[in-house]
Full PDB file with SEQRES, HELIX, SHEET, SSBOND, CRYST1, ORIGX, SCALE, CONECT and MASTER records, all heavy atoms in Angstrom:
SEQRES   1 A   43  ALA SER SER ILE PRO LEU SER VAL ALA LEU THR LEU LYS          
SEQRES   2 A   43  PHE PHE LEU GLU ALA VAL LYS MET GLN PRO VAL ARG ALA          
SEQRES   3 A   43  PRO LYS GLY ILE PRO ARG VAL GLY GLY GLU ILE PHE ARG          
SEQRES   4 A   43  VAL ASP ALA LYS                                              
HELIX    1 AA1 LEU A    6  MET A   21  1                                  16    
CRYST1    1.000    1.000    1.000  90.00  90.00  90.00 P 1           1          
ORIGX1      1.000000  0.000000  0.000000        0.00000                         
ORIGX2      0.000000  1.000000  0.000000        0.00000                         
ORIGX3      0.000000  0.000000  1.000000        0.00000                         
SCALE1      1.000000  0.000000  0.000000        0.00000                         
SCALE2      0.000000  1.000000  0.000000        0.00000                         
SCALE3      0.000000  0.000000  1.000000        0.00000                         
ATOM      1  N   ALA A   1      65.433 -38.618  66.767  1.00  0.00           N  
ATOM      2  CA  ALA A   1      65.848 -37.604  65.846  1.00  0.00           C  
ATOM      3  C   ALA A   1      64.931 -37.607  64.677  1.00  0.00           C  
ATOM      4  O   ALA A   1      64.792 -38.739  64.041  1.00  0.00           O  
ATOM      5  CB  ALA A   1      67.310 -37.896  65.372  1.00  0.00           C  
ATOM      6  N   SER A   2      64.181 -36.586  64.446  1.00  0.00           N  
ATOM      7  CA  SER A   2      63.239 -36.544  63.471  1.00  0.00           C  
ATOM      8  C   SER A   2      63.576 -35.585  62.318  1.00  0.00           C  
ATOM      9  O   SER A   2      64.144 -34.536  62.525  1.00  0.00           O  
ATOM     10  CB  SER A   2      61.906 -36.159  64.012  1.00  0.00           C  
ATOM     11  OG  SER A   2      61.470 -37.145  65.178  1.00  0.00           O  
ATOM     12  N   SER A   3      63.077 -35.848  61.091  1.00  0.00           N  
ATOM     13  CA  SER A   3      63.100 -34.899  59.990  1.00  0.00           C  
ATOM     14  C   SER A   3      62.105 -33.867  60.249  1.00  0.00           C  
ATOM     15  O   SER A   3      60.995 -34.154  60.527  1.00  0.00           O  
ATOM     16  CB  SER A   3      62.835 -35.625  58.617  1.00  0.00           C  
ATOM     17  OG  SER A   3      63.936 -36.626  58.410  1.00  0.00           O  
ATOM     18  N   ILE A   4      62.508 -32.586  60.054  1.00  0.00           N  
ATOM     19  CA  ILE A   4      61.609 -31.446  60.193  1.00  0.00           C  
ATOM     20  C   ILE A   4      60.722 -31.346  59.031  1.00  0.00           C  
ATOM     21  O   ILE A   4      61.062 -31.171  57.947  1.00  0.00           O  
ATOM     22  CB  ILE A   4      62.480 -30.089  60.353  1.00  0.00           C  
ATOM     23  CG1 ILE A   4      63.406 -30.262  61.556  1.00  0.00           C  
ATOM     24  CG2 ILE A   4      61.456 -28.986  60.653  1.00  0.00           C  
ATOM     25  CD1 ILE A   4      64.253 -29.079  61.762  1.00  0.00           C  
ATOM     26  N   PRO A   5      59.337 -31.444  59.286  1.00  0.00           N  
ATOM     27  CA  PRO A   5      58.344 -31.172  58.177  1.00  0.00           C  
ATOM     28  C   PRO A   5      58.602 -29.717  57.527  1.00  0.00           C  
ATOM     29  O   PRO A   5      59.009 -28.832  58.240  1.00  0.00           O  
ATOM     30  CB  PRO A   5      56.976 -31.348  58.862  1.00  0.00           C  
ATOM     31  CG  PRO A   5      57.357 -32.056  60.068  1.00  0.00           C  
ATOM     32  CD  PRO A   5      58.733 -31.746  60.523  1.00  0.00           C  
ATOM     33  N   LEU A   6      58.236 -29.667  56.198  1.00  0.00           N  
ATOM     34  CA  LEU A   6      58.397 -28.497  55.563  1.00  0.00           C  
ATOM     35  C   LEU A   6      57.539 -27.365  56.272  1.00  0.00           C  
ATOM     36  O   LEU A   6      58.039 -26.213  56.341  1.00  0.00           O  
ATOM     37  CB  LEU A   6      58.004 -28.546  54.067  1.00  0.00           C  
ATOM     38  CG  LEU A   6      57.987 -27.251  53.173  1.00  0.00           C  
ATOM     39  CD1 LEU A   6      59.422 -26.825  53.156  1.00  0.00           C  
ATOM     40  CD2 LEU A   6      57.530 -27.554  51.909  1.00  0.00           C  
ATOM     41  N   SER A   7      56.292 -27.634  56.716  1.00  0.00           N  
ATOM     42  CA  SER A   7      55.482 -26.595  57.214  1.00  0.00           C  
ATOM     43  C   SER A   7      56.064 -26.130  58.607  1.00  0.00           C  
ATOM     44  O   SER A   7      56.016 -24.876  58.855  1.00  0.00           O  
ATOM     45  CB  SER A   7      54.080 -27.273  57.671  1.00  0.00           C  
ATOM     46  OG  SER A   7      54.279 -28.487  58.503  1.00  0.00           O  
ATOM     47  N   VAL A   8      56.804 -27.007  59.380  1.00  0.00           N  
ATOM     48  CA  VAL A   8      57.485 -26.460  60.573  1.00  0.00           C  
ATOM     49  C   VAL A   8      58.681 -25.686  60.245  1.00  0.00           C  
ATOM     50  O   VAL A   8      59.009 -24.692  60.930  1.00  0.00           O  
ATOM     51  CB  VAL A   8      57.837 -27.745  61.473  1.00  0.00           C  
ATOM     52  CG1 VAL A   8      58.603 -27.300  62.698  1.00  0.00           C  
ATOM     53  CG2 VAL A   8      56.487 -28.435  61.922  1.00  0.00           C  
ATOM     54  N   ALA A   9      59.453 -26.183  59.223  1.00  0.00           N  
ATOM     55  CA  ALA A   9      60.517 -25.423  58.790  1.00  0.00           C  
ATOM     56  C   ALA A   9      60.182 -23.919  58.389  1.00  0.00           C  
ATOM     57  O   ALA A   9      60.848 -22.994  58.705  1.00  0.00           O  
ATOM     58  CB  ALA A   9      61.338 -26.099  57.597  1.00  0.00           C  
ATOM     59  N   LEU A  10      59.053 -23.829  57.596  1.00  0.00           N  
ATOM     60  CA  LEU A  10      58.604 -22.476  57.189  1.00  0.00           C  
ATOM     61  C   LEU A  10      58.140 -21.689  58.475  1.00  0.00           C  
ATOM     62  O   LEU A  10      58.405 -20.432  58.433  1.00  0.00           O  
ATOM     63  CB  LEU A  10      57.399 -22.630  56.289  1.00  0.00           C  
ATOM     64  CG  LEU A  10      57.709 -23.211  54.803  1.00  0.00           C  
ATOM     65  CD1 LEU A  10      56.366 -23.460  54.018  1.00  0.00           C  
ATOM     66  CD2 LEU A  10      58.676 -22.306  54.130  1.00  0.00           C  
ATOM     67  N   THR A  11      57.633 -22.379  59.442  1.00  0.00           N  
ATOM     68  CA  THR A  11      57.241 -21.604  60.667  1.00  0.00           C  
ATOM     69  C   THR A  11      58.436 -21.076  61.361  1.00  0.00           C  
ATOM     70  O   THR A  11      58.428 -19.925  61.769  1.00  0.00           O  
ATOM     71  CB  THR A  11      56.431 -22.583  61.596  1.00  0.00           C  
ATOM     72  OG1 THR A  11      55.207 -23.046  60.948  1.00  0.00           O  
ATOM     73  CG2 THR A  11      56.129 -21.913  62.909  1.00  0.00           C  
ATOM     74  N   LEU A  12      59.476 -21.880  61.447  1.00  0.00           N  
ATOM     75  CA  LEU A  12      60.694 -21.429  62.162  1.00  0.00           C  
ATOM     76  C   LEU A  12      61.311 -20.325  61.341  1.00  0.00           C  
ATOM     77  O   LEU A  12      61.866 -19.303  62.054  1.00  0.00           O  
ATOM     78  CB  LEU A  12      61.719 -22.613  62.267  1.00  0.00           C  
ATOM     79  CG  LEU A  12      61.324 -23.694  63.158  1.00  0.00           C  
ATOM     80  CD1 LEU A  12      62.344 -24.845  63.118  1.00  0.00           C  
ATOM     81  CD2 LEU A  12      60.996 -23.371  64.551  1.00  0.00           C  
ATOM     82  N   LYS A  13      61.493 -20.267  60.111  1.00  0.00           N  
ATOM     83  CA  LYS A  13      61.943 -19.241  59.236  1.00  0.00           C  
ATOM     84  C   LYS A  13      61.187 -17.986  59.390  1.00  0.00           C  
ATOM     85  O   LYS A  13      61.721 -16.873  59.511  1.00  0.00           O  
ATOM     86  CB  LYS A  13      62.063 -19.688  57.777  1.00  0.00           C  
ATOM     87  CG  LYS A  13      62.792 -18.699  57.039  1.00  0.00           C  
ATOM     88  CD  LYS A  13      63.093 -19.312  55.507  1.00  0.00           C  
ATOM     89  CE  LYS A  13      63.902 -18.487  54.636  1.00  0.00           C  
ATOM     90  NZ  LYS A  13      65.297 -18.144  55.328  1.00  0.00           N  
ATOM     91  N   PHE A  14      59.886 -18.066  59.326  1.00  0.00           N  
ATOM     92  CA  PHE A  14      58.999 -16.937  59.422  1.00  0.00           C  
ATOM     93  C   PHE A  14      59.097 -16.284  60.887  1.00  0.00           C  
ATOM     94  O   PHE A  14      59.165 -14.981  60.968  1.00  0.00           O  
ATOM     95  CB  PHE A  14      57.526 -17.265  59.290  1.00  0.00           C  
ATOM     96  CG  PHE A  14      56.504 -16.234  59.625  1.00  0.00           C  
ATOM     97  CD1 PHE A  14      56.331 -15.103  58.656  1.00  0.00           C  
ATOM     98  CD2 PHE A  14      55.871 -16.268  60.749  1.00  0.00           C  
ATOM     99  CE1 PHE A  14      55.518 -14.233  59.017  1.00  0.00           C  
ATOM    100  CE2 PHE A  14      54.854 -15.275  61.048  1.00  0.00           C  
ATOM    101  CZ  PHE A  14      54.684 -14.190  60.112  1.00  0.00           C  
ATOM    102  N   PHE A  15      59.287 -17.103  61.878  1.00  0.00           N  
ATOM    103  CA  PHE A  15      59.366 -16.592  63.177  1.00  0.00           C  
ATOM    104  C   PHE A  15      60.698 -15.817  63.399  1.00  0.00           C  
ATOM    105  O   PHE A  15      60.844 -14.741  64.016  1.00  0.00           O  
ATOM    106  CB  PHE A  15      59.318 -17.694  64.318  1.00  0.00           C  
ATOM    107  CG  PHE A  15      59.302 -17.193  65.723  1.00  0.00           C  
ATOM    108  CD1 PHE A  15      58.093 -16.725  66.253  1.00  0.00           C  
ATOM    109  CD2 PHE A  15      60.467 -17.371  66.442  1.00  0.00           C  
ATOM    110  CE1 PHE A  15      58.141 -16.333  67.499  1.00  0.00           C  
ATOM    111  CE2 PHE A  15      60.447 -16.885  67.759  1.00  0.00           C  
ATOM    112  CZ  PHE A  15      59.349 -16.330  68.301  1.00  0.00           C  
ATOM    113  N   LEU A  16      61.724 -16.458  62.842  1.00  0.00           N  
ATOM    114  CA  LEU A  16      62.965 -15.726  62.825  1.00  0.00           C  
ATOM    115  C   LEU A  16      63.043 -14.418  62.156  1.00  0.00           C  
ATOM    116  O   LEU A  16      63.544 -13.402  62.564  1.00  0.00           O  
ATOM    117  CB  LEU A  16      64.150 -16.672  62.224  1.00  0.00           C  
ATOM    118  CG  LEU A  16      65.523 -16.004  61.970  1.00  0.00           C  
ATOM    119  CD1 LEU A  16      66.083 -15.682  63.322  1.00  0.00           C  
ATOM    120  CD2 LEU A  16      66.506 -16.976  61.283  1.00  0.00           C  
ATOM    121  N   GLU A  17      62.391 -14.351  60.995  1.00  0.00           N  
ATOM    122  CA  GLU A  17      62.244 -13.124  60.260  1.00  0.00           C  
ATOM    123  C   GLU A  17      61.567 -12.142  61.111  1.00  0.00           C  
ATOM    124  O   GLU A  17      61.856 -10.908  60.947  1.00  0.00           O  
ATOM    125  CB  GLU A  17      61.766 -13.322  58.738  1.00  0.00           C  
ATOM    126  CG  GLU A  17      62.675 -14.221  57.943  1.00  0.00           C  
ATOM    127  CD  GLU A  17      63.992 -13.584  57.762  1.00  0.00           C  
ATOM    128  OE1 GLU A  17      64.041 -12.254  57.574  1.00  0.00           O  
ATOM    129  OE2 GLU A  17      64.978 -14.264  57.705  1.00  0.00           O  
ATOM    130  N   ALA A  18      60.470 -12.453  61.678  1.00  0.00           N  
ATOM    131  CA  ALA A  18      59.710 -11.608  62.471  1.00  0.00           C  
ATOM    132  C   ALA A  18      60.544 -10.929  63.549  1.00  0.00           C  
ATOM    133  O   ALA A  18      60.335  -9.781  63.949  1.00  0.00           O  
ATOM    134  CB  ALA A  18      58.444 -12.357  63.091  1.00  0.00           C  
ATOM    135  N   VAL A  19      61.170 -11.759  64.235  1.00  0.00           N  
ATOM    136  CA  VAL A  19      62.154 -11.253  65.378  1.00  0.00           C  
ATOM    137  C   VAL A  19      63.182 -10.272  64.851  1.00  0.00           C  
ATOM    138  O   VAL A  19      63.402  -9.315  65.422  1.00  0.00           O  
ATOM    139  CB  VAL A  19      62.798 -12.499  66.139  1.00  0.00           C  
ATOM    140  CG1 VAL A  19      63.790 -11.967  67.101  1.00  0.00           C  
ATOM    141  CG2 VAL A  19      61.709 -13.188  66.886  1.00  0.00           C  
ATOM    142  N   LYS A  20      63.835 -10.597  63.818  1.00  0.00           N  
ATOM    143  CA  LYS A  20      64.905  -9.867  63.023  1.00  0.00           C  
ATOM    144  C   LYS A  20      64.322  -8.388  62.577  1.00  0.00           C  
ATOM    145  O   LYS A  20      64.874  -7.468  62.619  1.00  0.00           O  
ATOM    146  CB  LYS A  20      65.584 -10.566  61.958  1.00  0.00           C  
ATOM    147  CG  LYS A  20      66.431 -11.705  62.465  1.00  0.00           C  
ATOM    148  CD  LYS A  20      66.887 -12.549  61.336  1.00  0.00           C  
ATOM    149  CE  LYS A  20      67.742 -11.843  60.405  1.00  0.00           C  
ATOM    150  NZ  LYS A  20      68.244 -12.667  59.312  1.00  0.00           N  
ATOM    151  N   MET A  21      62.985  -8.521  62.187  1.00  0.00           N  
ATOM    152  CA  MET A  21      62.420  -7.312  61.525  1.00  0.00           C  
ATOM    153  C   MET A  21      62.227  -6.240  62.552  1.00  0.00           C  
ATOM    154  O   MET A  21      62.317  -5.072  62.230  1.00  0.00           O  
ATOM    155  CB  MET A  21      61.131  -7.641  60.970  1.00  0.00           C  
ATOM    156  CG  MET A  21      60.420  -6.575  60.166  1.00  0.00           C  
ATOM    157  SD  MET A  21      58.879  -7.000  59.447  1.00  0.00           S  
ATOM    158  CE  MET A  21      59.395  -8.438  58.420  1.00  0.00           C  
ATOM    159  N   GLN A  22      61.808  -6.567  63.802  1.00  0.00           N  
ATOM    160  CA  GLN A  22      61.529  -5.613  64.795  1.00  0.00           C  
ATOM    161  C   GLN A  22      61.928  -6.148  66.140  1.00  0.00           C  
ATOM    162  O   GLN A  22      60.929  -6.512  66.968  1.00  0.00           O  
ATOM    163  CB  GLN A  22      60.083  -5.170  64.667  1.00  0.00           C  
ATOM    164  CG  GLN A  22      59.859  -3.919  65.638  1.00  0.00           C  
ATOM    165  CD  GLN A  22      58.417  -3.349  65.528  1.00  0.00           C  
ATOM    166  OE1 GLN A  22      57.455  -4.111  65.534  1.00  0.00           O  
ATOM    167  NE2 GLN A  22      58.247  -2.117  65.418  1.00  0.00           N  
ATOM    168  N   PRO A  23      63.064  -6.286  66.592  1.00  0.00           N  
ATOM    169  CA  PRO A  23      63.536  -6.903  67.763  1.00  0.00           C  
ATOM    170  C   PRO A  23      62.941  -6.063  69.052  1.00  0.00           C  
ATOM    171  O   PRO A  23      62.756  -6.630  70.094  1.00  0.00           O  
ATOM    172  CB  PRO A  23      65.042  -6.947  67.747  1.00  0.00           C  
ATOM    173  CG  PRO A  23      65.428  -6.074  66.829  1.00  0.00           C  
ATOM    174  CD  PRO A  23      64.318  -5.882  65.797  1.00  0.00           C  
ATOM    175  N   VAL A  24      62.988  -4.740  68.930  1.00  0.00           N  
ATOM    176  CA  VAL A  24      62.609  -3.882  69.931  1.00  0.00           C  
ATOM    177  C   VAL A  24      61.604  -2.803  69.426  1.00  0.00           C  
ATOM    178  O   VAL A  24      61.659  -2.534  68.242  1.00  0.00           O  
ATOM    179  CB  VAL A  24      63.738  -3.162  70.723  1.00  0.00           C  
ATOM    180  CG1 VAL A  24      64.673  -4.202  71.392  1.00  0.00           C  
ATOM    181  CG2 VAL A  24      64.553  -2.239  69.798  1.00  0.00           C  
ATOM    182  N   ARG A  25      60.676  -2.323  70.349  1.00  0.00           N  
ATOM    183  CA  ARG A  25      59.690  -1.332  69.897  1.00  0.00           C  
ATOM    184  C   ARG A  25      59.203  -0.585  71.067  1.00  0.00           C  
ATOM    185  O   ARG A  25      59.484  -1.087  72.312  1.00  0.00           O  
ATOM    186  CB  ARG A  25      58.569  -1.937  69.098  1.00  0.00           C  
ATOM    187  CG  ARG A  25      57.811  -2.970  69.978  1.00  0.00           C  
ATOM    188  CD  ARG A  25      56.624  -3.447  69.305  1.00  0.00           C  
ATOM    189  NE  ARG A  25      56.108  -4.681  69.831  1.00  0.00           N  
ATOM    190  CZ  ARG A  25      55.200  -4.660  70.933  1.00  0.00           C  
ATOM    191  NH1 ARG A  25      55.020  -3.424  71.499  1.00  0.00           N  
ATOM    192  NH2 ARG A  25      54.679  -5.766  71.469  1.00  0.00           N  
ATOM    193  N   ALA A  26      58.540   0.527  70.927  1.00  0.00           N  
ATOM    194  CA  ALA A  26      57.958   1.251  71.994  1.00  0.00           C  
ATOM    195  C   ALA A  26      56.813   0.502  72.614  1.00  0.00           C  
ATOM    196  O   ALA A  26      56.032  -0.166  71.780  1.00  0.00           O  
ATOM    197  CB  ALA A  26      57.517   2.639  71.486  1.00  0.00           C  
ATOM    198  N   PRO A  27      56.636   0.403  73.897  1.00  0.00           N  
ATOM    199  CA  PRO A  27      55.465  -0.306  74.413  1.00  0.00           C  
ATOM    200  C   PRO A  27      54.105   0.245  73.935  1.00  0.00           C  
ATOM    201  O   PRO A  27      53.972   1.430  73.861  1.00  0.00           O  
ATOM    202  CB  PRO A  27      55.688  -0.201  76.017  1.00  0.00           C  
ATOM    203  CG  PRO A  27      56.484   1.056  76.093  1.00  0.00           C  
ATOM    204  CD  PRO A  27      57.352   1.155  74.916  1.00  0.00           C  
ATOM    205  N   LYS A  28      53.205  -0.635  73.752  1.00  0.00           N  
ATOM    206  CA  LYS A  28      51.819  -0.222  73.327  1.00  0.00           C  
ATOM    207  C   LYS A  28      50.811  -0.727  74.372  1.00  0.00           C  
ATOM    208  O   LYS A  28      50.859  -1.666  75.012  1.00  0.00           O  
ATOM    209  CB  LYS A  28      51.468  -0.807  71.947  1.00  0.00           C  
ATOM    210  CG  LYS A  28      52.415  -0.351  70.850  1.00  0.00           C  
ATOM    211  CD  LYS A  28      52.088  -0.928  69.536  1.00  0.00           C  
ATOM    212  CE  LYS A  28      52.963  -0.328  68.471  1.00  0.00           C  
ATOM    213  NZ  LYS A  28      52.607  -0.975  67.091  1.00  0.00           N  
ATOM    214  N   GLY A  29      49.687   0.109  74.415  1.00  0.00           N  
ATOM    215  CA  GLY A  29      48.635  -0.179  75.319  1.00  0.00           C  
ATOM    216  C   GLY A  29      47.566  -1.197  74.724  1.00  0.00           C  
ATOM    217  O   GLY A  29      47.756  -1.689  73.649  1.00  0.00           O  
ATOM    218  N   ILE A  30      46.555  -1.343  75.367  1.00  0.00           N  
ATOM    219  CA  ILE A  30      45.629  -2.260  74.988  1.00  0.00           C  
ATOM    220  C   ILE A  30      44.801  -1.599  73.755  1.00  0.00           C  
ATOM    221  O   ILE A  30      44.439  -0.488  73.837  1.00  0.00           O  
ATOM    222  CB  ILE A  30      44.364  -2.602  76.026  1.00  0.00           C  
ATOM    223  CG1 ILE A  30      45.166  -3.218  77.264  1.00  0.00           C  
ATOM    224  CG2 ILE A  30      43.360  -3.331  75.387  1.00  0.00           C  
ATOM    225  CD1 ILE A  30      44.253  -3.350  78.402  1.00  0.00           C  
ATOM    226  N   PRO A  31      44.666  -2.398  72.517  1.00  0.00           N  
ATOM    227  CA  PRO A  31      44.096  -1.688  71.504  1.00  0.00           C  
ATOM    228  C   PRO A  31      42.609  -1.439  71.658  1.00  0.00           C  
ATOM    229  O   PRO A  31      41.881  -2.172  72.345  1.00  0.00           O  
ATOM    230  CB  PRO A  31      44.406  -2.789  70.378  1.00  0.00           C  
ATOM    231  CG  PRO A  31      44.487  -4.070  71.061  1.00  0.00           C  
ATOM    232  CD  PRO A  31      45.202  -3.646  72.263  1.00  0.00           C  
ATOM    233  N   ARG A  32      42.134  -0.361  71.114  1.00  0.00           N  
ATOM    234  CA  ARG A  32      40.788   0.045  71.190  1.00  0.00           C  
ATOM    235  C   ARG A  32      39.908  -0.959  70.325  1.00  0.00           C  
ATOM    236  O   ARG A  32      40.372  -1.582  69.343  1.00  0.00           O  
ATOM    237  CB  ARG A  32      40.540   1.408  70.758  1.00  0.00           C  
ATOM    238  CG  ARG A  32      40.691   1.710  69.209  1.00  0.00           C  
ATOM    239  CD  ARG A  32      40.475   3.101  68.888  1.00  0.00           C  
ATOM    240  NE  ARG A  32      40.485   3.389  67.475  1.00  0.00           N  
ATOM    241  CZ  ARG A  32      41.552   3.492  66.771  1.00  0.00           C  
ATOM    242  NH1 ARG A  32      42.767   3.420  67.414  1.00  0.00           N  
ATOM    243  NH2 ARG A  32      41.466   3.764  65.498  1.00  0.00           N  
ATOM    244  N   VAL A  33      38.637  -1.229  70.746  1.00  0.00           N  
ATOM    245  CA  VAL A  33      37.800  -2.104  69.998  1.00  0.00           C  
ATOM    246  C   VAL A  33      37.265  -1.416  68.684  1.00  0.00           C  
ATOM    247  O   VAL A  33      36.876  -0.318  68.624  1.00  0.00           O  
ATOM    248  CB  VAL A  33      36.522  -2.441  70.820  1.00  0.00           C  
ATOM    249  CG1 VAL A  33      35.564  -3.351  70.038  1.00  0.00           C  
ATOM    250  CG2 VAL A  33      36.956  -3.117  72.117  1.00  0.00           C  
ATOM    251  N   GLY A  34      37.483  -2.167  67.621  1.00  0.00           N  
ATOM    252  CA  GLY A  34      37.166  -1.467  66.338  1.00  0.00           C  
ATOM    253  C   GLY A  34      35.909  -1.968  65.589  1.00  0.00           C  
ATOM    254  O   GLY A  34      35.609  -1.403  64.560  1.00  0.00           O  
ATOM    255  N   GLY A  35      35.286  -3.085  66.142  1.00  0.00           N  
ATOM    256  CA  GLY A  35      34.091  -3.489  65.474  1.00  0.00           C  
ATOM    257  C   GLY A  35      34.363  -4.326  64.241  1.00  0.00           C  
ATOM    258  O   GLY A  35      35.466  -4.829  64.012  1.00  0.00           O  
ATOM    259  N   GLU A  36      33.408  -4.368  63.384  1.00  0.00           N  
ATOM    260  CA  GLU A  36      33.648  -5.209  62.144  1.00  0.00           C  
ATOM    261  C   GLU A  36      34.627  -4.581  61.222  1.00  0.00           C  
ATOM    262  O   GLU A  36      34.484  -3.377  61.002  1.00  0.00           O  
ATOM    263  CB  GLU A  36      32.298  -5.375  61.446  1.00  0.00           C  
ATOM    264  CG  GLU A  36      32.325  -6.333  60.182  1.00  0.00           C  
ATOM    265  CD  GLU A  36      30.990  -6.561  59.567  1.00  0.00           C  
ATOM    266  OE1 GLU A  36      30.076  -7.239  60.256  1.00  0.00           O  
ATOM    267  OE2 GLU A  36      30.919  -6.126  58.449  1.00  0.00           O  
ATOM    268  N   ILE A  37      35.422  -5.374  60.664  1.00  0.00           N  
ATOM    269  CA  ILE A  37      36.685  -4.795  59.737  1.00  0.00           C  
ATOM    270  C   ILE A  37      36.353  -5.171  58.335  1.00  0.00           C  
ATOM    271  O   ILE A  37      36.458  -4.436  57.472  1.00  0.00           O  
ATOM    272  CB  ILE A  37      37.964  -5.330  60.289  1.00  0.00           C  
ATOM    273  CG1 ILE A  37      38.147  -4.630  61.778  1.00  0.00           C  
ATOM    274  CG2 ILE A  37      39.106  -4.845  59.379  1.00  0.00           C  
ATOM    275  CD1 ILE A  37      39.358  -5.228  62.387  1.00  0.00           C  
ATOM    276  N   PHE A  38      36.211  -6.491  58.042  1.00  0.00           N  
ATOM    277  CA  PHE A  38      35.979  -6.951  56.700  1.00  0.00           C  
ATOM    278  C   PHE A  38      35.112  -8.302  56.707  1.00  0.00           C  
ATOM    279  O   PHE A  38      34.996  -8.825  57.781  1.00  0.00           O  
ATOM    280  CB  PHE A  38      37.346  -7.083  55.912  1.00  0.00           C  
ATOM    281  CG  PHE A  38      38.241  -8.048  56.474  1.00  0.00           C  
ATOM    282  CD1 PHE A  38      37.978  -9.432  56.521  1.00  0.00           C  
ATOM    283  CD2 PHE A  38      39.388  -7.610  57.098  1.00  0.00           C  
ATOM    284  CE1 PHE A  38      38.905 -10.341  57.099  1.00  0.00           C  
ATOM    285  CE2 PHE A  38      40.282  -8.541  57.690  1.00  0.00           C  
ATOM    286  CZ  PHE A  38      40.066  -9.917  57.686  1.00  0.00           C  
ATOM    287  N   ARG A  39      34.680  -8.528  55.525  1.00  0.00           N  
ATOM    288  CA  ARG A  39      33.862  -9.776  55.235  1.00  0.00           C  
ATOM    289  C   ARG A  39      34.552 -10.522  54.172  1.00  0.00           C  
ATOM    290  O   ARG A  39      34.910  -9.917  53.228  1.00  0.00           O  
ATOM    291  CB  ARG A  39      32.455  -9.575  55.094  1.00  0.00           C  
ATOM    292  CG  ARG A  39      31.629  -8.807  56.118  1.00  0.00           C  
ATOM    293  CD  ARG A  39      30.178  -8.834  55.969  1.00  0.00           C  
ATOM    294  NE  ARG A  39      29.465  -8.156  57.092  1.00  0.00           N  
ATOM    295  CZ  ARG A  39      28.186  -8.273  57.225  1.00  0.00           C  
ATOM    296  NH1 ARG A  39      27.415  -8.844  56.329  1.00  0.00           N  
ATOM    297  NH2 ARG A  39      27.527  -7.629  58.248  1.00  0.00           N  
ATOM    298  N   VAL A  40      34.666 -11.903  54.344  1.00  0.00           N  
ATOM    299  CA  VAL A  40      35.234 -12.714  53.287  1.00  0.00           C  
ATOM    300  C   VAL A  40      34.322 -14.045  53.190  1.00  0.00           C  
ATOM    301  O   VAL A  40      33.609 -14.380  54.065  1.00  0.00           O  
ATOM    302  CB  VAL A  40      36.656 -13.164  53.630  1.00  0.00           C  
ATOM    303  CG1 VAL A  40      37.512 -11.949  53.695  1.00  0.00           C  
ATOM    304  CG2 VAL A  40      36.664 -13.889  54.931  1.00  0.00           C  
ATOM    305  N   ASP A  41      34.482 -14.633  52.032  1.00  0.00           N  
ATOM    306  CA  ASP A  41      33.827 -15.939  51.797  1.00  0.00           C  
ATOM    307  C   ASP A  41      34.715 -16.763  50.790  1.00  0.00           C  
ATOM    308  O   ASP A  41      35.599 -16.250  50.220  1.00  0.00           O  
ATOM    309  CB  ASP A  41      32.379 -15.655  51.308  1.00  0.00           C  
ATOM    310  CG  ASP A  41      31.575 -16.915  51.564  1.00  0.00           C  
ATOM    311  OD1 ASP A  41      32.012 -17.964  52.101  1.00  0.00           O  
ATOM    312  OD2 ASP A  41      30.322 -16.755  51.211  1.00  0.00           O  
ATOM    313  N   ALA A  42      34.316 -18.130  50.701  1.00  0.00           N  
ATOM    314  CA  ALA A  42      34.991 -18.894  49.897  1.00  0.00           C  
ATOM    315  C   ALA A  42      33.911 -19.754  49.106  1.00  0.00           C  
ATOM    316  O   ALA A  42      32.838 -20.193  49.730  1.00  0.00           O  
ATOM    317  CB  ALA A  42      35.988 -19.825  50.601  1.00  0.00           C  
ATOM    318  N   LYS A  43      34.225 -20.106  47.919  1.00  0.00           N  
ATOM    319  CA  LYS A  43      33.275 -20.964  47.039  1.00  0.00           C  
ATOM    320  C   LYS A  43      34.062 -22.036  46.575  1.00  0.00           C  
ATOM    321  O   LYS A  43      35.154 -21.957  45.947  1.00  0.00           O  
ATOM    322  CB  LYS A  43      32.615 -20.110  46.025  1.00  0.00           C  
ATOM    323  CG  LYS A  43      31.635 -20.841  45.184  1.00  0.00           C  
ATOM    324  CD  LYS A  43      31.010 -20.008  44.061  1.00  0.00           C  
ATOM    325  CE  LYS A  43      30.078 -20.874  43.176  1.00  0.00           C  
ATOM    326  NZ  LYS A  43      29.523 -20.069  42.025  1.00  0.00           N  
TER     327      LYS A  43                                                      
MASTER        0    0    0    1    0    0    0    6  326    1    0    4          
END                                                                             
């Protein structure tokens, strides 16, 4: 029996909210290739 780490607890809560937000939807095909979208960096 283990204590749930905060990071795992946040993961579970996020996953639940994602399921509740859109439980069903219209089926979608394979997305088209879009190429480069954005560039980011960190300093």
